[in-house]
N, C-alpha and C. Protein backbone atom coordinates (compact mmCIF):
# COMPACT_ATOMS: atom_id res chain seq x y z
N MET A 1 17.37 -86.81 194.81
CA MET A 1 18.54 -87.54 194.34
C MET A 1 19.65 -86.54 194.05
N SER A 2 20.81 -86.75 194.64
CA SER A 2 21.91 -85.82 194.43
C SER A 2 22.82 -86.31 193.31
N ARG A 3 23.42 -85.37 192.67
CA ARG A 3 24.37 -85.71 191.60
C ARG A 3 25.77 -85.69 192.18
N ARG A 4 26.51 -86.69 191.87
CA ARG A 4 27.89 -86.75 192.31
C ARG A 4 28.82 -86.29 191.20
N THR A 5 29.78 -85.53 191.60
CA THR A 5 30.81 -85.15 190.65
C THR A 5 31.84 -86.27 190.61
N PRO A 6 32.15 -86.76 189.41
CA PRO A 6 33.12 -87.85 189.35
C PRO A 6 34.48 -87.38 189.86
N ARG A 7 35.14 -88.26 190.58
CA ARG A 7 36.48 -87.96 191.08
C ARG A 7 37.47 -87.98 189.93
N PRO A 8 38.41 -87.05 189.95
CA PRO A 8 39.46 -87.14 188.93
C PRO A 8 40.28 -88.41 189.16
N GLN A 9 40.63 -89.05 188.08
CA GLN A 9 41.40 -90.29 188.20
C GLN A 9 42.87 -90.00 187.99
N LYS A 10 43.69 -90.72 188.73
CA LYS A 10 45.13 -90.62 188.54
C LYS A 10 45.48 -91.25 187.21
N PRO A 11 46.57 -90.78 186.58
CA PRO A 11 46.99 -91.44 185.35
C PRO A 11 47.30 -92.91 185.62
N ARG A 12 46.93 -93.74 184.69
CA ARG A 12 47.17 -95.17 184.84
C ARG A 12 48.65 -95.47 184.67
N GLN A 13 49.16 -96.32 185.51
CA GLN A 13 50.52 -96.80 185.39
C GLN A 13 50.45 -98.31 185.49
N THR A 14 49.95 -98.91 184.46
CA THR A 14 49.73 -100.35 184.50
C THR A 14 51.04 -101.09 184.27
N GLN A 15 51.13 -102.23 184.85
CA GLN A 15 52.27 -103.10 184.65
C GLN A 15 51.76 -104.29 183.87
N ARG A 16 52.32 -104.49 182.70
CA ARG A 16 51.84 -105.51 181.79
C ARG A 16 52.08 -106.92 182.32
N THR A 17 53.23 -107.15 182.91
CA THR A 17 53.55 -108.48 183.41
C THR A 17 54.20 -108.36 184.78
N ARG A 18 54.33 -109.48 185.45
CA ARG A 18 55.05 -109.52 186.73
C ARG A 18 56.54 -109.45 186.46
N PRO A 19 57.28 -108.85 187.40
CA PRO A 19 58.74 -108.86 187.22
C PRO A 19 59.25 -110.30 187.18
N PRO A 20 60.33 -110.53 186.46
CA PRO A 20 60.88 -111.88 186.42
C PRO A 20 61.39 -112.29 187.80
N ALA A 21 61.58 -113.57 187.99
CA ALA A 21 62.18 -114.06 189.23
C ALA A 21 63.60 -113.52 189.33
N ALA A 22 64.06 -113.31 190.55
CA ALA A 22 65.38 -112.71 190.78
C ALA A 22 66.51 -113.51 190.13
N ASP A 23 66.33 -114.83 190.00
CA ASP A 23 67.40 -115.66 189.43
C ASP A 23 67.24 -115.92 187.93
N SER A 24 66.25 -115.30 187.30
CA SER A 24 66.06 -115.48 185.86
C SER A 24 66.97 -114.53 185.08
N PRO A 25 67.21 -114.81 183.80
CA PRO A 25 68.09 -113.94 183.01
C PRO A 25 67.55 -112.51 182.94
N CYS A 26 68.45 -111.55 182.97
CA CYS A 26 68.02 -110.16 182.88
C CYS A 26 67.72 -109.82 181.42
N PRO A 27 66.62 -109.13 181.15
CA PRO A 27 66.28 -108.77 179.77
C PRO A 27 67.32 -107.89 179.08
N CYS A 28 68.16 -107.17 179.85
CA CYS A 28 69.13 -106.26 179.25
C CYS A 28 70.26 -106.98 178.53
N GLY A 29 70.42 -108.29 178.77
CA GLY A 29 71.42 -109.07 178.06
C GLY A 29 72.73 -109.27 178.80
N LEU A 30 72.94 -108.62 179.92
CA LEU A 30 74.16 -108.86 180.69
C LEU A 30 74.06 -110.22 181.38
N PRO A 31 75.19 -110.83 181.75
CA PRO A 31 75.14 -112.18 182.31
C PRO A 31 74.56 -112.30 183.72
N ALA A 32 74.53 -111.21 184.48
CA ALA A 32 74.00 -111.29 185.86
C ALA A 32 72.50 -111.57 185.83
N PRO A 33 71.99 -112.34 186.81
CA PRO A 33 70.54 -112.57 186.86
C PRO A 33 69.79 -111.27 187.16
N TYR A 34 68.52 -111.26 186.81
CA TYR A 34 67.68 -110.06 186.94
C TYR A 34 67.78 -109.40 188.31
N GLY A 35 67.72 -110.17 189.38
CA GLY A 35 67.74 -109.61 190.73
C GLY A 35 69.04 -108.91 191.09
N GLN A 36 70.15 -109.32 190.45
CA GLN A 36 71.44 -108.70 190.70
C GLN A 36 71.79 -107.68 189.63
N CYS A 37 70.97 -107.57 188.61
CA CYS A 37 71.22 -106.67 187.50
C CYS A 37 70.17 -105.55 187.53
N CYS A 38 69.29 -105.49 186.58
CA CYS A 38 68.30 -104.41 186.49
C CYS A 38 67.22 -104.48 187.56
N GLY A 39 66.94 -105.65 188.08
CA GLY A 39 65.91 -105.80 189.11
C GLY A 39 66.18 -104.96 190.34
N ARG A 40 67.44 -104.80 190.72
CA ARG A 40 67.76 -103.99 191.91
C ARG A 40 67.50 -102.52 191.67
N PHE A 41 67.59 -102.07 190.41
CA PHE A 41 67.25 -100.68 190.08
C PHE A 41 65.74 -100.52 190.06
N HIS A 42 65.04 -101.49 189.47
CA HIS A 42 63.58 -101.43 189.40
C HIS A 42 62.96 -101.40 190.79
N SER A 43 63.52 -102.17 191.71
CA SER A 43 62.97 -102.26 193.07
C SER A 43 63.36 -101.07 193.94
N GLY A 44 64.32 -100.28 193.50
CA GLY A 44 64.79 -99.14 194.29
C GLY A 44 65.90 -99.49 195.27
N GLN A 45 66.40 -100.73 195.23
CA GLN A 45 67.49 -101.14 196.12
C GLN A 45 68.79 -100.43 195.79
N ALA A 46 68.96 -100.03 194.53
CA ALA A 46 70.18 -99.36 194.09
C ALA A 46 69.82 -98.40 192.97
N ALA A 47 70.72 -97.46 192.70
CA ALA A 47 70.55 -96.52 191.59
C ALA A 47 71.54 -96.90 190.49
N ALA A 48 71.14 -96.71 189.25
CA ALA A 48 72.03 -97.02 188.13
C ALA A 48 73.28 -96.15 188.22
N PRO A 49 74.48 -96.75 188.22
CA PRO A 49 75.70 -95.98 188.40
C PRO A 49 76.19 -95.23 187.17
N THR A 50 75.68 -95.60 185.99
CA THR A 50 76.10 -94.96 184.74
C THR A 50 74.88 -94.75 183.85
N ALA A 51 75.07 -93.92 182.82
CA ALA A 51 73.99 -93.71 181.85
C ALA A 51 73.67 -95.02 181.12
N GLU A 52 74.70 -95.80 180.80
CA GLU A 52 74.45 -97.07 180.12
C GLU A 52 73.66 -98.03 181.01
N ALA A 53 74.00 -98.09 182.29
CA ALA A 53 73.25 -98.95 183.21
C ALA A 53 71.79 -98.51 183.29
N LEU A 54 71.56 -97.19 183.28
CA LEU A 54 70.18 -96.70 183.30
C LEU A 54 69.47 -97.09 182.01
N MET A 55 70.17 -96.96 180.86
CA MET A 55 69.57 -97.35 179.58
C MET A 55 69.18 -98.83 179.61
N ARG A 56 70.08 -99.66 180.08
CA ARG A 56 69.79 -101.10 180.15
C ARG A 56 68.60 -101.37 181.08
N SER A 57 68.57 -100.66 182.21
CA SER A 57 67.47 -100.88 183.16
C SER A 57 66.14 -100.40 182.59
N ARG A 58 66.16 -99.34 181.78
CA ARG A 58 64.93 -98.86 181.15
C ARG A 58 64.46 -99.85 180.08
N PHE A 59 65.40 -100.41 179.30
CA PHE A 59 65.03 -101.43 178.33
C PHE A 59 64.37 -102.61 179.07
N SER A 60 65.00 -103.04 180.16
CA SER A 60 64.43 -104.14 180.95
C SER A 60 63.05 -103.78 181.49
N ALA A 61 62.88 -102.52 181.89
CA ALA A 61 61.57 -102.08 182.39
C ALA A 61 60.52 -102.16 181.29
N PHE A 62 60.87 -101.79 180.06
CA PHE A 62 59.94 -101.96 178.95
C PHE A 62 59.65 -103.45 178.76
N ALA A 63 60.67 -104.28 178.83
CA ALA A 63 60.50 -105.72 178.60
C ALA A 63 59.59 -106.36 179.65
N VAL A 64 59.68 -105.91 180.90
CA VAL A 64 58.85 -106.53 181.96
C VAL A 64 57.59 -105.72 182.26
N GLY A 65 57.41 -104.58 181.58
CA GLY A 65 56.19 -103.78 181.76
C GLY A 65 56.18 -102.92 183.00
N ASP A 66 57.33 -102.50 183.48
CA ASP A 66 57.42 -101.70 184.71
C ASP A 66 57.34 -100.21 184.38
N THR A 67 56.13 -99.71 184.14
CA THR A 67 55.95 -98.30 183.78
C THR A 67 56.27 -97.36 184.93
N ALA A 68 56.09 -97.81 186.16
CA ALA A 68 56.42 -96.96 187.31
C ALA A 68 57.91 -96.62 187.31
N TYR A 69 58.75 -97.61 187.02
CA TYR A 69 60.20 -97.35 186.95
C TYR A 69 60.53 -96.43 185.78
N LEU A 70 59.88 -96.65 184.65
CA LEU A 70 60.13 -95.78 183.49
C LEU A 70 59.86 -94.32 183.85
N LEU A 71 58.76 -94.07 184.53
CA LEU A 71 58.43 -92.70 184.93
C LEU A 71 59.41 -92.17 185.98
N ARG A 72 59.78 -92.99 186.95
CA ARG A 72 60.72 -92.56 188.00
C ARG A 72 62.09 -92.21 187.43
N SER A 73 62.50 -92.90 186.39
CA SER A 73 63.84 -92.71 185.83
C SER A 73 63.86 -91.72 184.67
N TRP A 74 62.77 -90.97 184.50
CA TRP A 74 62.65 -89.98 183.43
C TRP A 74 62.82 -88.60 184.02
N HIS A 75 63.56 -87.74 183.37
CA HIS A 75 63.78 -86.37 183.86
C HIS A 75 62.44 -85.66 184.01
N PRO A 76 62.20 -85.00 185.16
CA PRO A 76 60.89 -84.35 185.37
C PRO A 76 60.57 -83.27 184.34
N GLY A 77 61.58 -82.69 183.72
CA GLY A 77 61.33 -81.66 182.71
C GLY A 77 60.83 -82.21 181.38
N THR A 78 61.03 -83.49 181.12
CA THR A 78 60.60 -84.09 179.86
C THR A 78 59.67 -85.29 180.06
N ARG A 79 59.42 -85.66 181.30
CA ARG A 79 58.62 -86.85 181.62
C ARG A 79 57.15 -86.63 181.24
N PRO A 80 56.56 -87.59 180.52
CA PRO A 80 55.13 -87.50 180.20
C PRO A 80 54.30 -87.87 181.43
N PRO A 81 53.00 -87.56 181.42
CA PRO A 81 52.16 -87.92 182.56
C PRO A 81 52.02 -89.43 182.75
N ARG A 82 52.17 -90.19 181.70
CA ARG A 82 52.06 -91.65 181.80
C ARG A 82 52.78 -92.29 180.61
N VAL A 83 53.00 -93.56 180.72
CA VAL A 83 53.58 -94.36 179.64
C VAL A 83 52.61 -95.49 179.36
N ASP A 84 52.16 -95.58 178.14
CA ASP A 84 51.25 -96.66 177.74
C ASP A 84 52.05 -97.66 176.91
N LEU A 85 52.14 -98.87 177.38
CA LEU A 85 52.86 -99.91 176.65
C LEU A 85 51.92 -100.63 175.70
N ASP A 86 52.45 -101.03 174.57
CA ASP A 86 51.70 -101.78 173.58
C ASP A 86 51.70 -103.25 174.00
N ALA A 87 50.53 -103.76 174.35
CA ALA A 87 50.43 -105.15 174.84
C ALA A 87 50.87 -106.17 173.79
N GLY A 88 50.85 -105.79 172.52
CA GLY A 88 51.25 -106.71 171.45
C GLY A 88 52.73 -106.66 171.12
N GLN A 89 53.48 -105.85 171.85
CA GLN A 89 54.90 -105.68 171.57
C GLN A 89 55.74 -106.35 172.67
N ARG A 90 56.73 -107.11 172.26
CA ARG A 90 57.64 -107.80 173.19
C ARG A 90 59.07 -107.40 172.85
N TRP A 91 59.77 -106.90 173.87
CA TRP A 91 61.16 -106.48 173.70
C TRP A 91 62.05 -107.68 173.94
N GLY A 92 62.94 -107.98 172.97
CA GLY A 92 63.73 -109.20 173.05
C GLY A 92 65.20 -109.03 173.31
N ARG A 93 65.85 -108.07 172.66
CA ARG A 93 67.31 -107.99 172.76
C ARG A 93 67.75 -106.55 172.63
N LEU A 94 68.77 -106.19 173.39
CA LEU A 94 69.32 -104.84 173.39
C LEU A 94 70.77 -104.90 172.94
N GLU A 95 71.13 -104.00 172.03
CA GLU A 95 72.52 -103.83 171.62
C GLU A 95 72.92 -102.40 171.94
N ILE A 96 73.98 -102.22 172.70
CA ILE A 96 74.53 -100.88 172.95
C ILE A 96 75.53 -100.63 171.83
N LEU A 97 75.29 -99.58 171.04
CA LEU A 97 76.15 -99.28 169.89
C LEU A 97 77.24 -98.28 170.24
N ALA A 98 76.95 -97.33 171.11
CA ALA A 98 77.94 -96.32 171.49
C ALA A 98 77.50 -95.62 172.77
N THR A 99 78.48 -95.17 173.53
CA THR A 99 78.21 -94.35 174.71
C THR A 99 79.21 -93.21 174.74
N THR A 100 78.78 -92.06 175.26
CA THR A 100 79.69 -90.95 175.52
C THR A 100 79.35 -90.41 176.90
N GLY A 101 80.38 -90.11 177.67
CA GLY A 101 80.17 -89.61 179.02
C GLY A 101 79.39 -90.63 179.83
N GLY A 102 78.59 -90.11 180.75
CA GLY A 102 77.68 -90.97 181.49
C GLY A 102 78.29 -91.80 182.59
N THR A 103 79.50 -91.45 183.04
CA THR A 103 80.12 -92.21 184.13
C THR A 103 80.01 -91.41 185.42
N ALA A 104 80.63 -91.91 186.47
CA ALA A 104 80.63 -91.21 187.76
C ALA A 104 81.31 -89.85 187.67
N PHE A 105 82.11 -89.63 186.63
CA PHE A 105 82.84 -88.38 186.47
C PHE A 105 82.11 -87.37 185.58
N HIS A 106 80.92 -87.72 185.12
CA HIS A 106 80.17 -86.86 184.19
C HIS A 106 78.83 -86.45 184.78
N THR A 107 78.26 -85.39 184.21
CA THR A 107 76.91 -84.98 184.58
C THR A 107 75.92 -85.23 183.44
N THR A 108 76.44 -85.53 182.25
CA THR A 108 75.60 -85.87 181.11
C THR A 108 76.21 -87.08 180.41
N GLY A 109 75.40 -87.71 179.60
CA GLY A 109 75.88 -88.84 178.82
C GLY A 109 74.90 -89.18 177.72
N THR A 110 75.37 -89.90 176.73
CA THR A 110 74.50 -90.37 175.66
C THR A 110 74.73 -91.86 175.47
N VAL A 111 73.69 -92.53 175.03
CA VAL A 111 73.77 -93.95 174.69
C VAL A 111 73.02 -94.14 173.38
N THR A 112 73.70 -94.74 172.42
CA THR A 112 73.05 -95.11 171.17
C THR A 112 72.85 -96.62 171.22
N PHE A 113 71.63 -97.04 170.95
CA PHE A 113 71.30 -98.46 171.09
C PHE A 113 70.38 -98.92 169.98
N ARG A 114 70.33 -100.23 169.82
CA ARG A 114 69.35 -100.88 168.94
C ARG A 114 68.58 -101.86 169.80
N ALA A 115 67.27 -101.73 169.80
CA ALA A 115 66.41 -102.63 170.58
C ALA A 115 65.60 -103.47 169.59
N HIS A 116 65.67 -104.77 169.77
CA HIS A 116 64.94 -105.70 168.91
C HIS A 116 63.64 -106.10 169.60
N PHE A 117 62.58 -106.20 168.82
CA PHE A 117 61.27 -106.52 169.39
C PHE A 117 60.44 -107.28 168.38
N THR A 118 59.33 -107.82 168.84
CA THR A 118 58.29 -108.33 167.96
C THR A 118 57.03 -107.56 168.28
N SER A 119 56.30 -107.21 167.24
CA SER A 119 55.04 -106.51 167.39
C SER A 119 53.98 -107.29 166.65
N ARG A 120 53.08 -107.88 167.43
CA ARG A 120 52.04 -108.74 166.87
C ARG A 120 52.63 -109.81 165.96
N GLY A 121 53.73 -110.40 166.44
CA GLY A 121 54.38 -111.49 165.74
C GLY A 121 55.38 -111.09 164.67
N LYS A 122 55.49 -109.81 164.34
CA LYS A 122 56.42 -109.37 163.30
C LYS A 122 57.66 -108.76 163.95
N PRO A 123 58.86 -109.16 163.48
CA PRO A 123 60.08 -108.62 164.07
C PRO A 123 60.30 -107.16 163.68
N GLY A 124 60.94 -106.44 164.57
CA GLY A 124 61.29 -105.05 164.30
C GLY A 124 62.46 -104.64 165.16
N GLU A 125 62.95 -103.45 164.89
CA GLU A 125 64.02 -102.91 165.71
C GLU A 125 63.89 -101.40 165.78
N LEU A 126 64.41 -100.87 166.85
CA LEU A 126 64.39 -99.44 167.10
C LEU A 126 65.82 -99.02 167.39
N CYS A 127 66.31 -98.02 166.67
CA CYS A 127 67.64 -97.49 166.93
C CYS A 127 67.45 -96.07 167.43
N GLU A 128 68.01 -95.76 168.59
CA GLU A 128 67.80 -94.45 169.21
C GLU A 128 69.10 -93.94 169.82
N HIS A 129 69.27 -92.62 169.76
CA HIS A 129 70.36 -91.91 170.43
C HIS A 129 69.71 -91.21 171.61
N SER A 130 69.96 -91.71 172.83
CA SER A 130 69.30 -91.20 174.04
C SER A 130 70.24 -90.30 174.83
N ARG A 131 69.66 -89.26 175.44
CA ARG A 131 70.42 -88.34 176.29
C ARG A 131 70.04 -88.56 177.75
N PHE A 132 71.04 -88.51 178.61
CA PHE A 132 70.87 -88.72 180.05
C PHE A 132 71.55 -87.59 180.81
N GLU A 133 71.03 -87.28 181.98
CA GLU A 133 71.62 -86.28 182.87
C GLU A 133 71.56 -86.78 184.30
N ARG A 134 72.42 -86.22 185.10
CA ARG A 134 72.29 -86.46 186.55
C ARG A 134 71.29 -85.43 187.07
N TYR A 135 70.32 -85.90 187.80
CA TYR A 135 69.31 -85.03 188.40
C TYR A 135 69.21 -85.43 189.86
N GLU A 136 69.48 -84.49 190.73
CA GLU A 136 69.50 -84.75 192.17
C GLU A 136 70.36 -85.97 192.50
N GLY A 137 71.49 -86.07 191.80
CA GLY A 137 72.47 -87.12 192.05
C GLY A 137 72.26 -88.43 191.32
N ALA A 138 71.12 -88.61 190.67
CA ALA A 138 70.82 -89.88 189.99
C ALA A 138 70.75 -89.68 188.48
N TRP A 139 71.15 -90.70 187.73
CA TRP A 139 71.01 -90.66 186.28
C TRP A 139 69.53 -90.76 185.91
N VAL A 140 69.10 -89.91 184.96
CA VAL A 140 67.73 -89.95 184.45
C VAL A 140 67.77 -89.81 182.93
N TYR A 141 66.77 -90.39 182.29
CA TYR A 141 66.59 -90.28 180.84
C TYR A 141 66.01 -88.90 180.54
N VAL A 142 66.59 -88.18 179.58
CA VAL A 142 66.09 -86.86 179.19
C VAL A 142 65.22 -86.98 177.95
N ASP A 143 65.81 -87.44 176.86
CA ASP A 143 65.07 -87.60 175.61
C ASP A 143 65.92 -88.41 174.64
N GLY A 144 65.35 -88.66 173.47
CA GLY A 144 66.07 -89.43 172.48
C GLY A 144 65.60 -89.11 171.08
N ALA A 145 66.47 -89.42 170.13
CA ALA A 145 66.14 -89.24 168.72
C ALA A 145 66.20 -90.60 168.05
N VAL A 146 65.11 -90.98 167.40
CA VAL A 146 65.03 -92.25 166.71
C VAL A 146 65.72 -92.09 165.37
N ASP A 147 66.59 -93.04 165.03
CA ASP A 147 67.31 -93.02 163.76
C ASP A 147 66.46 -93.68 162.69
N GLY A 148 65.68 -92.90 161.98
CA GLY A 148 64.86 -93.42 160.91
C GLY A 148 63.69 -94.23 161.42
N PRO A 149 62.82 -94.67 160.51
CA PRO A 149 61.66 -95.46 160.93
C PRO A 149 62.10 -96.84 161.39
N ASP A 150 61.38 -97.36 162.38
CA ASP A 150 61.68 -98.73 162.81
C ASP A 150 60.87 -99.68 161.94
N ASP A 151 61.13 -100.96 162.09
CA ASP A 151 60.47 -101.96 161.26
C ASP A 151 59.02 -102.19 161.59
N SER A 152 58.52 -101.56 162.65
CA SER A 152 57.11 -101.76 162.99
C SER A 152 56.22 -100.76 162.26
N GLY A 153 56.84 -99.84 161.50
CA GLY A 153 56.06 -98.87 160.77
C GLY A 153 55.79 -97.60 161.54
N SER A 154 56.18 -97.53 162.80
CA SER A 154 55.96 -96.31 163.56
C SER A 154 57.19 -95.43 163.49
N ARG A 155 57.01 -94.17 163.80
CA ARG A 155 58.11 -93.23 163.75
C ARG A 155 57.92 -92.26 164.89
N GLY A 156 58.99 -91.77 165.44
CA GLY A 156 58.83 -90.84 166.54
C GLY A 156 60.09 -90.09 166.86
N GLY A 157 59.98 -89.09 167.69
CA GLY A 157 61.10 -88.28 168.11
C GLY A 157 61.52 -88.66 169.50
N GLY A 158 61.77 -89.89 169.73
CA GLY A 158 62.17 -90.35 171.06
C GLY A 158 61.13 -91.32 171.56
N SER A 159 61.59 -92.43 172.02
CA SER A 159 60.67 -93.49 172.41
C SER A 159 60.53 -93.62 173.91
N GLY A 160 61.26 -92.82 174.63
CA GLY A 160 61.27 -93.01 176.07
C GLY A 160 62.34 -94.01 176.45
N GLY A 161 63.28 -94.21 175.57
CA GLY A 161 64.40 -95.06 175.93
C GLY A 161 64.24 -96.51 175.56
N ALA A 162 63.25 -96.89 174.82
CA ALA A 162 63.13 -98.22 174.25
C ALA A 162 61.86 -98.38 173.46
N GLY A 163 60.82 -97.74 173.78
CA GLY A 163 59.58 -97.86 173.02
C GLY A 163 58.40 -97.71 173.93
N GLY A 164 57.34 -97.19 173.42
CA GLY A 164 56.16 -96.95 174.23
C GLY A 164 55.56 -95.62 173.85
N THR A 165 54.34 -95.43 174.22
CA THR A 165 53.65 -94.20 173.89
C THR A 165 53.68 -93.28 175.09
N GLN A 166 53.97 -92.04 174.84
CA GLN A 166 54.03 -91.06 175.91
C GLN A 166 52.75 -90.26 175.92
N GLY A 167 52.35 -89.91 177.13
CA GLY A 167 51.22 -88.99 177.32
C GLY A 167 49.95 -89.60 177.00
């Protein structure tokens, strides 16, 4: 009887839910339907034109469970090997509080936002100041600083642009 060496497994990139229908409301809160808003970034049909658009698309990716997009839109120098989403957490509403730079005329930008969520039925919010850079021509999330503890009782030095566990 021979012994087999177990194959190394790739990091899991699970998707918690199916993407919304193209004509359903976009989780980012803009009036365009998902397919014409963040869905086109998630599918790779288009690239986010600004740091704010990337922030909105990352929030939507957290809301729909698209970890593959979260990893693709993360700067390779700060990207974790995987993103684990909390199955008991639901992202509900995004507020953009401030932006600096992050347009077609910039190479860096910041977005300060408040993301509202429920975690196991309890409401919470996360306020983060996120940094973005252009990398190989596309906007990517670099890192973020969480402004104080969120209402879910967790604390961290950057949530990945809306919430989730890194590594």
